[in-house]
């Protein structure tokens, strides 16, 4: 028994040593230090994000785990997973863009982004094919626009009225003696008015062979934003009323032979008196509703005969600024301006400012001059004539006999001398 006890005493320490060795070996195999490692919460989130398809979550998890996990194998796996998911998402977005986007610039941008994100090559090729189709139409339109573009040199165009005296040209403009072309059918070979008002145009298109015959142009109520898309042309009459023009820069170079210009209801940044003064033979200007508050500055408009400035903001104090600026003005309309009134003093002031004025605010100034009744041609004959056909004009009579010139020839007893007859009738009543 004593021997057995001694044997057990020796074996017990040996067994305990073996157990300790096994435990120590197991610890070293787990973390190299003999201690079981703790899994970081960043790594846990990274693993969960890798199992999903949320690209944003995975990217956030990678960014958070990189400084904490160091060289953990999960990081490289997560980055590969992120690249794969990003490429999938880019491919889906580009495929949707092919179906929905018809703007070349937007589609090109989508293709660039998708390629950077690694979208599938077959989808990128399909997007490029559609982009080619979208760009072919604008390119064809650009080529057509180049064919229709106005000439850079005005001398490249013939002038159909070149040999006609200036006074005869003016008469034809006043009487609108030209053919009218609305854009449909065959374009006239003779000088014509090209009428394209209210069509939403941003430019003026006309075949090369017919540009030389365009003597008048009506582009009112369109979307013309600059004169360069119209001229140069040998125009004598131009209407660009109610267009979004900021100014009239280059108008004299584009239309040097212009006689009549209508720029009504154009909201200029600043009214272009200087540009208008550069059109040397301009005879008629209509600038109704342009917000004008000041008349020309230094440069006059020496050839102007007719000026329509209705519905502006011209004050009586600013009228003196116009003295000498329109030396040949005959017809002036300032109705719906603060300066306009019916007083005799106003009309006398206008007469002193514009010595050749014959009509003011749509009323003949002849009505304000005393006239010898015996010297008025046709007055006695007109007053002695019988009344007009009552069945045709039963409610009308000749207003000349009341002192107001008739508006329509059908009711006038002496249409040719209507202003003189009206003036004489006023003088007969003791009015001016």
Foldseek 3Di string as FASTA:
>chain_A
DVVVVVVVVVVVVVVVVVVVVVQQVVLCVQPNPSDHDDDDVLVVQLVVVLVDLDLVSNVVSLVVCCVPVPPDPSNVVSVVSSLVSQQVVLQVVLLVCLVPDLALVVLVVSLVVNVVSNHDPVSSVSSVVSSVVSVVVVVVVVVVCVQFFEDPDAVVAAALCPPPDPVVVVVCVVVVPAAEDAPDDDDDPAAYEHEPEQPQDQADGDHPNCQNRDQEYEHDNYAHAACNRYFQGQYQYYEHAPYAYQAHPCVCVSHLNHAEYEHENHAHPAYCPVNQLSNQQHAYYAHEHHQDAADDADRARANHAEYEHEQYAHALVRPVRLQPRHARYAYYAHHNYNHDDDDPVSVVVVCVRHVNYQYYNNAGPLLQDEDDPVPQPCLVVLVPDDAPDCVVCVPAAQCLLVLGFDPDPVRHSCNVRSSSSSSNNCVVVVHD
